[in-house]
């Protein structure tokens, strides 16, 4: 068993997001793993800059509403279920 030390909440870099965004690292895999889990909180109106994830991404909406846009311009609305 391994106990991970909780990292402090970090304000996300402005070159990744518009508006105020904070994240907490829940899990950061050790090489060669690229797995990472973050808890990300957005202030009202904040958003990510357009980007993609070569190996995919899983989003879990735990509160509020997420608007998720695709490359072709389709926008999906995700809520906590």
PDB file of N, CA and C in Angstrom:
ATOM      1  N   UNK A   1       0.843  -1.158   0.000  1.00  0.00           N
ATOM      2  CA  UNK A   1       0.000   0.000   0.000  1.00  0.00           C
ATOM      3  C   UNK A   1       0.898   1.235   0.000  1.00  0.00           C
ATOM      4  N   UNK A   2       0.466   2.235  -0.725  1.00  0.00           N
ATOM      5  CA  UNK A   2       1.218   3.485  -0.791  1.00  0.00           C
ATOM      6  C   UNK A   2       0.289   4.631  -0.413  1.00  0.00           C
ATOM      7  N   UNK A   3       0.735   5.477   0.484  1.00  0.00           N
ATOM      8  CA  UNK A   3      -0.042   6.640   0.877  1.00  0.00           C
ATOM      9  C   UNK A   3       0.526   7.857   0.158  1.00  0.00           C
ATOM     10  N   UNK A   4      -0.318   8.543  -0.577  1.00  0.00           N
ATOM     11  CA  UNK A   4       0.131   9.717  -1.320  1.00  0.00           C
ATOM     12  C   UNK A   4      -0.119  10.964  -0.487  1.00  0.00           C
ATOM     13  N   UNK A   5       0.849  11.848  -0.474  1.00  0.00           N
ATOM     14  CA  UNK A   5       0.704  13.107   0.233  1.00  0.00           C
ATOM     15  C   UNK A   5      -0.145  14.054  -0.615  1.00  0.00           C
ATOM     16  N   UNK A   6      -1.161  14.645  -0.006  1.00  0.00           N
ATOM     17  CA  UNK A   6      -2.032  15.557  -0.733  1.00  0.00           C
ATOM     18  C   UNK A   6      -1.272  16.821  -1.119  1.00  0.00           C
ATOM     19  N   UNK A   7      -1.375  17.177  -2.383  1.00  0.00           N
ATOM     20  CA  UNK A   7      -0.734  18.380  -2.889  1.00  0.00           C
ATOM     21  C   UNK A   7      -1.656  19.573  -2.662  1.00  0.00           C
ATOM     22  N   UNK A   8      -1.114  20.778  -2.545  1.00  0.00           N
ATOM     23  CA  UNK A   8      -1.962  21.953  -2.345  1.00  0.00           C
ATOM     24  C   UNK A   8      -2.736  22.302  -3.613  1.00  0.00           C
ATOM     25  N   UNK A   9      -3.867  22.975  -3.441  1.00  0.00           N
ATOM     26  CA  UNK A   9      -4.643  23.473  -4.575  1.00  0.00           C
ATOM     27  C   UNK A   9      -3.796  24.490  -5.335  1.00  0.00           C
ATOM     28  N   UNK A  10      -3.856  24.410  -6.665  1.00  0.00           N
ATOM     29  CA  UNK A  10      -3.039  25.271  -7.516  1.00  0.00           C
ATOM     30  C   UNK A  10      -3.945  26.053  -8.453  1.00  0.00           C
ATOM     31  N   UNK A  11      -3.645  27.346  -8.630  1.00  0.00           N
ATOM     32  CA  UNK A  11      -4.358  28.128  -9.635  1.00  0.00           C
ATOM     33  C   UNK A  11      -3.798  27.727 -10.989  1.00  0.00           C
ATOM     34  N   UNK A  12      -4.695  27.405 -11.912  1.00  0.00           N
ATOM     35  CA  UNK A  12      -4.274  26.929 -13.226  1.00  0.00           C
ATOM     36  C   UNK A  12      -3.610  28.048 -14.025  1.00  0.00           C
ATOM     37  N   UNK A  13      -2.664  27.686 -14.890  1.00  0.00           N
ATOM     38  CA  UNK A  13      -1.957  28.693 -15.677  1.00  0.00           C
ATOM     39  C   UNK A  13      -2.880  29.408 -16.668  1.00  0.00           C
ATOM     40  N   UNK A  14      -2.688  30.710 -16.825  1.00  0.00           N
ATOM     41  CA  UNK A  14      -3.523  31.525 -17.703  1.00  0.00           C
ATOM     42  C   UNK A  14      -3.401  31.110 -19.167  1.00  0.00           C
ATOM     43  N   UNK A  15      -2.306  30.475 -19.557  1.00  0.00           N
ATOM     44  CA  UNK A  15      -2.182  30.060 -20.958  1.00  0.00           C
ATOM     45  C   UNK A  15      -2.969  28.782 -21.251  1.00  0.00           C
ATOM     46  N   UNK A  16      -3.551  28.153 -20.240  1.00  0.00           N
ATOM     47  CA  UNK A  16      -4.400  26.975 -20.438  1.00  0.00           C
ATOM     48  C   UNK A  16      -5.881  27.315 -20.336  1.00  0.00           C
ATOM     49  N   UNK A  17      -6.222  28.391 -19.609  1.00  0.00           N
ATOM     50  CA  UNK A  17      -7.619  28.688 -19.281  1.00  0.00           C
ATOM     51  C   UNK A  17      -7.921  30.175 -19.424  1.00  0.00           C
ATOM     52  N   UNK A  18      -9.187  30.472 -19.628  1.00  0.00           N
ATOM     53  CA  UNK A  18      -9.692  31.838 -19.570  1.00  0.00           C
ATOM     54  C   UNK A  18     -10.521  31.932 -18.294  1.00  0.00           C
ATOM     55  N   UNK A  19     -10.259  32.913 -17.460  1.00  0.00           N
ATOM     56  CA  UNK A  19     -10.949  33.022 -16.181  1.00  0.00           C
ATOM     57  C   UNK A  19     -10.183  32.300 -15.094  1.00  0.00           C
ATOM     58  N   UNK A  20     -10.763  32.288 -13.917  1.00  0.00           N
ATOM     59  CA  UNK A  20     -10.110  31.666 -12.760  1.00  0.00           C
ATOM     60  C   UNK A  20     -10.459  30.187 -12.659  1.00  0.00           C
ATOM     61  N   UNK A  21      -9.422  29.375 -12.629  1.00  0.00           N
ATOM     62  CA  UNK A  21      -9.582  27.921 -12.557  1.00  0.00           C
ATOM     63  C   UNK A  21      -8.559  27.400 -11.546  1.00  0.00           C
ATOM     64  N   UNK A  22      -8.966  26.450 -10.725  1.00  0.00           N
ATOM     65  CA  UNK A  22      -8.072  25.842  -9.735  1.00  0.00           C
ATOM     66  C   UNK A  22      -8.131  24.338  -9.891  1.00  0.00           C
ATOM     67  N   UNK A  23      -7.023  23.666  -9.570  1.00  0.00           N
ATOM     68  CA  UNK A  23      -7.074  22.210  -9.594  1.00  0.00           C
ATOM     69  C   UNK A  23      -6.271  21.604  -8.456  1.00  0.00           C
ATOM     70  N   UNK A  24      -6.722  20.405  -8.104  1.00  0.00           N
ATOM     71  CA  UNK A  24      -6.065  19.573  -7.105  1.00  0.00           C
ATOM     72  C   UNK A  24      -5.663  18.282  -7.803  1.00  0.00           C
ATOM     73  N   UNK A  25      -4.409  17.886  -7.664  1.00  0.00           N
ATOM     74  CA  UNK A  25      -3.949  16.623  -8.228  1.00  0.00           C
ATOM     75  C   UNK A  25      -4.421  15.503  -7.303  1.00  0.00           C
ATOM     76  N   UNK A  26      -5.186  14.583  -7.857  1.00  0.00           N
ATOM     77  CA  UNK A  26      -5.654  13.428  -7.099  1.00  0.00           C
ATOM     78  C   UNK A  26      -4.697  12.258  -7.311  1.00  0.00           C
ATOM     79  N   UNK A  27      -4.250  12.101  -8.551  1.00  0.00           N
ATOM     80  CA  UNK A  27      -3.303  11.027  -8.873  1.00  0.00           C
ATOM     81  C   UNK A  27      -2.422  11.477 -10.032  1.00  0.00           C
ATOM     82  N   UNK A  28      -1.132  11.286  -9.914  1.00  0.00           N
ATOM     83  CA  UNK A  28      -0.192  11.525 -11.004  1.00  0.00           C
ATOM     84  C   UNK A  28       0.640  10.259 -11.163  1.00  0.00           C
ATOM     85  N   UNK A  29       0.411   9.539 -12.245  1.00  0.00           N
ATOM     86  CA  UNK A  29       1.111   8.277 -12.478  1.00  0.00           C
ATOM     87  C   UNK A  29       2.618   8.467 -12.618  1.00  0.00           C
ATOM     88  N   UNK A  30       3.345   7.464 -12.222  1.00  0.00           N
ATOM     89  CA  UNK A  30       4.805   7.467 -12.360  1.00  0.00           C
ATOM     90  C   UNK A  30       5.162   6.853 -13.712  1.00  0.00           C
ATOM     91  N   UNK A  31       6.238   7.329 -14.339  1.00  0.00           N
ATOM     92  CA  UNK A  31       6.676   6.807 -15.636  1.00  0.00           C
ATOM     93  C   UNK A  31       6.728   5.287 -15.582  1.00  0.00           C
ATOM     94  N   UNK A  32       6.298   4.597 -16.605  1.00  0.00           N
ATOM     95  CA  UNK A  32       5.889   5.086 -17.907  1.00  0.00           C
ATOM     96  C   UNK A  32       4.414   5.459 -17.991  1.00  0.00           C
ATOM     97  N   UNK A  33       3.685   5.410 -16.892  1.00  0.00           N
ATOM     98  CA  UNK A  33       2.262   5.753 -16.908  1.00  0.00           C
ATOM     99  C   UNK A  33       2.065   7.229 -17.252  1.00  0.00           C
ATOM    100  N   UNK A  34       1.011   7.512 -17.984  1.00  0.00           N
ATOM    101  CA  UNK A  34       0.638   8.897 -18.271  1.00  0.00           C
ATOM    102  C   UNK A  34      -0.695   9.226 -17.599  1.00  0.00           C
ATOM    103  N   UNK A  35      -1.179   8.320 -16.782  1.00  0.00           N
ATOM    104  CA  UNK A  35      -2.474   8.512 -16.130  1.00  0.00           C
ATOM    105  C   UNK A  35      -2.385   9.644 -15.122  1.00  0.00           C
ATOM    106  N   UNK A  36      -3.406  10.468 -15.116  1.00  0.00           N
ATOM    107  CA  UNK A  36      -3.468  11.598 -14.200  1.00  0.00           C
ATOM    108  C   UNK A  36      -4.933  11.859 -13.882  1.00  0.00           C
ATOM    109  N   UNK A  37      -5.207  12.189 -12.640  1.00  0.00           N
ATOM    110  CA  UNK A  37      -6.562  12.556 -12.234  1.00  0.00           C
ATOM    111  C   UNK A  37      -6.480  13.869 -11.467  1.00  0.00           C
ATOM    112  N   UNK A  38      -7.234  14.845 -11.917  1.00  0.00           N
ATOM    113  CA  UNK A  38      -7.289  16.152 -11.261  1.00  0.00           C
ATOM    114  C   UNK A  38      -8.728  16.498 -10.940  1.00  0.00           C
ATOM    115  N   UNK A  39      -8.936  17.179  -9.840  1.00  0.00           N
ATOM    116  CA  UNK A  39     -10.210  17.800  -9.533  1.00  0.00           C
ATOM    117  C   UNK A  39     -10.065  19.244  -9.977  1.00  0.00           C
ATOM    118  N   UNK A  40     -10.881  19.661 -10.940  1.00  0.00           N
ATOM    119  CA  UNK A  40     -10.758  20.996 -11.522  1.00  0.00           C
ATOM    120  C   UNK A  40     -12.023  21.785 -11.211  1.00  0.00           C
ATOM    121  N   UNK A  41     -11.842  22.998 -10.721  1.00  0.00           N
ATOM    122  CA  UNK A  41     -12.979  23.875 -10.391  1.00  0.00           C
ATOM    123  C   UNK A  41     -12.868  25.158 -11.206  1.00  0.00           C
ATOM    124  N   UNK A  42     -13.964  25.516 -11.865  1.00  0.00           N
ATOM    125  CA  UNK A  42     -14.021  26.703 -12.717  1.00  0.00           C
ATOM    126  C   UNK A  42     -14.868  27.778 -12.046  1.00  0.00           C
ATOM    127  N   UNK A  43     -14.397  29.019 -12.060  1.00  0.00           N
ATOM    128  CA  UNK A  43     -15.249  30.119 -11.622  1.00  0.00           C
ATOM    129  C   UNK A  43     -16.282  30.369 -12.716  1.00  0.00           C
ATOM    130  N   UNK A  44     -17.390  31.034 -12.406  1.00  0.00           N
ATOM    131  CA  UNK A  44     -18.410  31.290 -13.431  1.00  0.00           C
ATOM    132  C   UNK A  44     -17.800  31.973 -14.662  1.00  0.00           C
ATOM    133  N   UNK A  45     -18.093  31.434 -15.835  1.00  0.00           N
ATOM    134  CA  UNK A  45     -17.603  31.988 -17.091  1.00  0.00           C
ATOM    135  C   UNK A  45     -16.217  31.529 -17.503  1.00  0.00           C
ATOM    136  N   UNK A  46     -15.492  30.831 -16.633  1.00  0.00           N
ATOM    137  CA  UNK A  46     -14.148  30.357 -16.978  1.00  0.00           C
ATOM    138  C   UNK A  46     -14.247  29.181 -17.937  1.00  0.00           C
ATOM    139  N   UNK A  47     -13.214  28.987 -18.735  1.00  0.00           N
ATOM    140  CA  UNK A  47     -13.216  27.875 -19.689  1.00  0.00           C
ATOM    141  C   UNK A  47     -11.781  27.518 -20.073  1.00  0.00           C
ATOM    142  N   UNK A  48     -11.640  26.334 -20.663  1.00  0.00           N
ATOM    143  CA  UNK A  48     -10.323  25.923 -21.150  1.00  0.00           C
ATOM    144  C   UNK A  48     -10.117  26.486 -22.549  1.00  0.00           C
ATOM    145  N   UNK A  49      -8.862  26.641 -22.924  1.00  0.00           N
ATOM    146  CA  UNK A  49      -8.542  26.964 -24.310  1.00  0.00           C
ATOM    147  C   UNK A  49      -8.711  25.680 -25.114  1.00  0.00           C
ATOM    148  N   UNK A  50      -9.055  25.806 -26.391  1.00  0.00           N
ATOM    149  CA  UNK A  50      -9.275  24.627 -27.234  1.00  0.00           C
ATOM    150  C   UNK A  50      -8.016  23.767 -27.247  1.00  0.00           C
ATOM    151  N   UNK A  51      -8.196  22.474 -27.024  1.00  0.00           N
ATOM    152  CA  UNK A  51      -7.093  21.525 -27.083  1.00  0.00           C
ATOM    153  C   UNK A  51      -7.669  20.129 -27.238  1.00  0.00           C
ATOM    154  N   UNK A  52      -6.811  19.181 -27.492  1.00  0.00           N
ATOM    155  CA  UNK A  52      -7.248  17.790 -27.580  1.00  0.00           C
ATOM    156  C   UNK A  52      -6.286  16.927 -26.772  1.00  0.00           C
ATOM    157  N   UNK A  53      -6.705  15.695 -26.531  1.00  0.00           N
ATOM    158  CA  UNK A  53      -5.899  14.737 -25.777  1.00  0.00           C
ATOM    159  C   UNK A  53      -5.653  13.535 -26.678  1.00  0.00           C
ATOM    160  N   UNK A  54      -4.401  13.311 -27.038  1.00  0.00           N
ATOM    161  CA  UNK A  54      -4.044  12.251 -27.988  1.00  0.00           C
ATOM    162  C   UNK A  54      -4.537  10.872 -27.544  1.00  0.00           C
ATOM    163  N   UNK A  55      -4.524  10.615 -26.248  1.00  0.00           N
ATOM    164  CA  UNK A  55      -4.948   9.304 -25.735  1.00  0.00           C
ATOM    165  C   UNK A  55      -6.345   9.328 -25.146  1.00  0.00           C
ATOM    166  N   UNK A  56      -7.080  10.432 -25.355  1.00  0.00           N
ATOM    167  CA  UNK A  56      -8.437  10.537 -24.843  1.00  0.00           C
ATOM    168  C   UNK A  56      -8.475  11.159 -23.462  1.00  0.00           C
ATOM    169  N   UNK A  57      -9.681  11.395 -22.991  1.00  0.00           N
ATOM    170  CA  UNK A  57      -9.878  12.019 -21.687  1.00  0.00           C
ATOM    171  C   UNK A  57     -11.226  11.580 -21.145  1.00  0.00           C
ATOM    172  N   UNK A  58     -11.305  11.392 -19.842  1.00  0.00           N
ATOM    173  CA  UNK A  58     -12.566  11.091 -19.177  1.00  0.00           C
ATOM    174  C   UNK A  58     -12.902  12.278 -18.279  1.00  0.00           C
ATOM    175  N   UNK A  59     -14.116  12.795 -18.406  1.00  0.00           N
ATOM    176  CA  UNK A  59     -14.572  13.911 -17.577  1.00  0.00           C
ATOM    177  C   UNK A  59     -15.683  13.426 -16.667  1.00  0.00           C
ATOM    178  N   UNK A  60     -15.605  13.765 -15.402  1.00  0.00           N
ATOM    179  CA  UNK A  60     -16.641  13.443 -14.437  1.00  0.00           C
ATOM    180  C   UNK A  60     -17.145  14.760 -13.874  1.00  0.00           C
ATOM    181  N   UNK A  61     -18.370  15.122 -14.213  1.00  0.00           N
ATOM    182  CA  UNK A  61     -18.952  16.371 -13.741  1.00  0.00           C
ATOM    183  C   UNK A  61     -19.560  16.084 -12.373  1.00  0.00           C
ATOM    184  N   UNK A  62     -19.052  16.746 -11.326  1.00  0.00           N
ATOM    185  CA  UNK A  62     -19.533  16.487  -9.974  1.00  0.00           C
ATOM    186  C   UNK A  62     -20.432  17.602  -9.451  1.00  0.00           C
ATOM    187  N   UNK A  63     -20.435  18.745 -10.126  1.00  0.00           N
ATOM    188  CA  UNK A  63     -21.382  19.804  -9.786  1.00  0.00           C
ATOM    189  C   UNK A  63     -21.437  20.780 -10.949  1.00  0.00           C
ATOM    190  N   UNK A  64     -22.528  21.498 -11.050  1.00  0.00           N
ATOM    191  CA  UNK A  64     -22.663  22.483 -12.118  1.00  0.00           C
ATOM    192  C   UNK A  64     -22.928  21.850 -13.464  1.00  0.00           C
ATOM    193  N   UNK A  65     -22.633  22.596 -14.514  1.00  0.00           N
ATOM    194  CA  UNK A  65     -22.857  22.176 -15.889  1.00  0.00           C
ATOM    195  C   UNK A  65     -21.575  22.360 -16.680  1.00  0.00           C
ATOM    196  N   UNK A  66     -21.228  21.376 -17.481  1.00  0.00           N
ATOM    197  CA  UNK A  66     -20.053  21.468 -18.355  1.00  0.00           C
ATOM    198  C   UNK A  66     -20.533  21.553 -19.797  1.00  0.00           C
ATOM    199  N   UNK A  67     -20.007  22.513 -20.536  1.00  0.00           N
ATOM    200  CA  UNK A  67     -20.241  22.593 -21.972  1.00  0.00           C
ATOM    201  C   UNK A  67     -18.993  22.063 -22.649  1.00  0.00           C
ATOM    202  N   UNK A  68     -19.169  21.012 -23.441  1.00  0.00           N
ATOM    203  CA  UNK A  68     -18.036  20.326 -24.052  1.00  0.00           C
ATOM    204  C   UNK A  68     -18.174  20.444 -25.560  1.00  0.00           C
ATOM    205  N   UNK A  69     -17.214  21.105 -26.189  1.00  0.00           N
ATOM    206  CA  UNK A  69     -17.265  21.312 -27.627  1.00  0.00           C
ATOM    207  C   UNK A  69     -16.370  20.347 -28.370  1.00  0.00           C
ATOM    208  N   UNK A  70     -16.831  19.957 -29.562  1.00  0.00           N
ATOM    209  CA  UNK A  70     -16.039  19.072 -30.411  1.00  0.00           C
ATOM    210  C   UNK A  70     -15.400  19.877 -31.534  1.00  0.00           C
ATOM    211  N   UNK A  71     -14.483  19.252 -32.226  1.00  0.00           N
ATOM    212  CA  UNK A  71     -13.766  19.913 -33.322  1.00  0.00           C
ATOM    213  C   UNK A  71     -14.729  20.426 -34.394  1.00  0.00           C
ATOM    214  N   UNK A  72     -15.835  19.705 -34.624  1.00  0.00           N
ATOM    215  CA  UNK A  72     -16.773  20.128 -35.673  1.00  0.00           C
ATOM    216  C   UNK A  72     -17.769  21.187 -35.200  1.00  0.00           C
ATOM    217  N   UNK A  73     -17.629  21.644 -33.961  1.00  0.00           N
ATOM    218  CA  UNK A  73     -18.493  22.701 -33.455  1.00  0.00           C
ATOM    219  C   UNK A  73     -19.704  22.235 -32.666  1.00  0.00           C
ATOM    220  N   UNK A  74     -19.916  20.933 -32.572  1.00  0.00           N
ATOM    221  CA  UNK A  74     -21.008  20.409 -31.763  1.00  0.00           C
ATOM    222  C   UNK A  74     -20.706  20.681 -30.292  1.00  0.00           C
ATOM    223  N   UNK A  75     -21.725  21.094 -29.542  1.00  0.00           N
ATOM    224  CA  UNK A  75     -21.555  21.356 -28.119  1.00  0.00           C
ATOM    225  C   UNK A  75     -22.480  20.430 -27.332  1.00  0.00           C
ATOM    226  N   UNK A  76     -21.891  19.708 -26.398  1.00  0.00           N
ATOM    227  CA  UNK A  76     -22.647  18.835 -25.509  1.00  0.00           C
ATOM    228  C   UNK A  76     -22.735  19.480 -24.140  1.00  0.00           C
ATOM    229  N   UNK A  77     -23.846  19.301 -23.464  1.00  0.00           N
ATOM    230  CA  UNK A  77     -24.029  19.808 -22.112  1.00  0.00           C
ATOM    231  C   UNK A  77     -24.037  18.611 -21.173  1.00  0.00           C
ATOM    232  N   UNK A  78     -23.165  18.643 -20.173  1.00  0.00           N
ATOM    233  CA  UNK A  78     -23.065  17.534 -19.219  1.00  0.00           C
ATOM    234  C   UNK A  78     -23.406  18.038 -17.826  1.00  0.00           C
ATOM    235  N   UNK A  79     -24.214  17.244 -17.114  1.00  0.00           N
ATOM    236  CA  UNK A  79     -24.620  17.562 -15.745  1.00  0.00           C
ATOM    237  C   UNK A  79     -24.267  16.380 -14.862  1.00  0.00           C
ATOM    238  N   UNK A  80     -24.227  16.640 -13.580  1.00  0.00           N
ATOM    239  CA  UNK A  80     -24.044  15.545 -12.643  1.00  0.00           C
ATOM    240  C   UNK A  80     -25.258  14.648 -12.741  1.00  0.00           C
ATOM    241  N   UNK A  81     -25.038  13.338 -12.822  1.00  0.00           N
ATOM    242  CA  UNK A  81     -26.168  12.397 -12.949  1.00  0.00           C
ATOM    243  C   UNK A  81     -26.525  11.772 -11.630  1.00  0.00           C
TER     244      UNK A  81
END
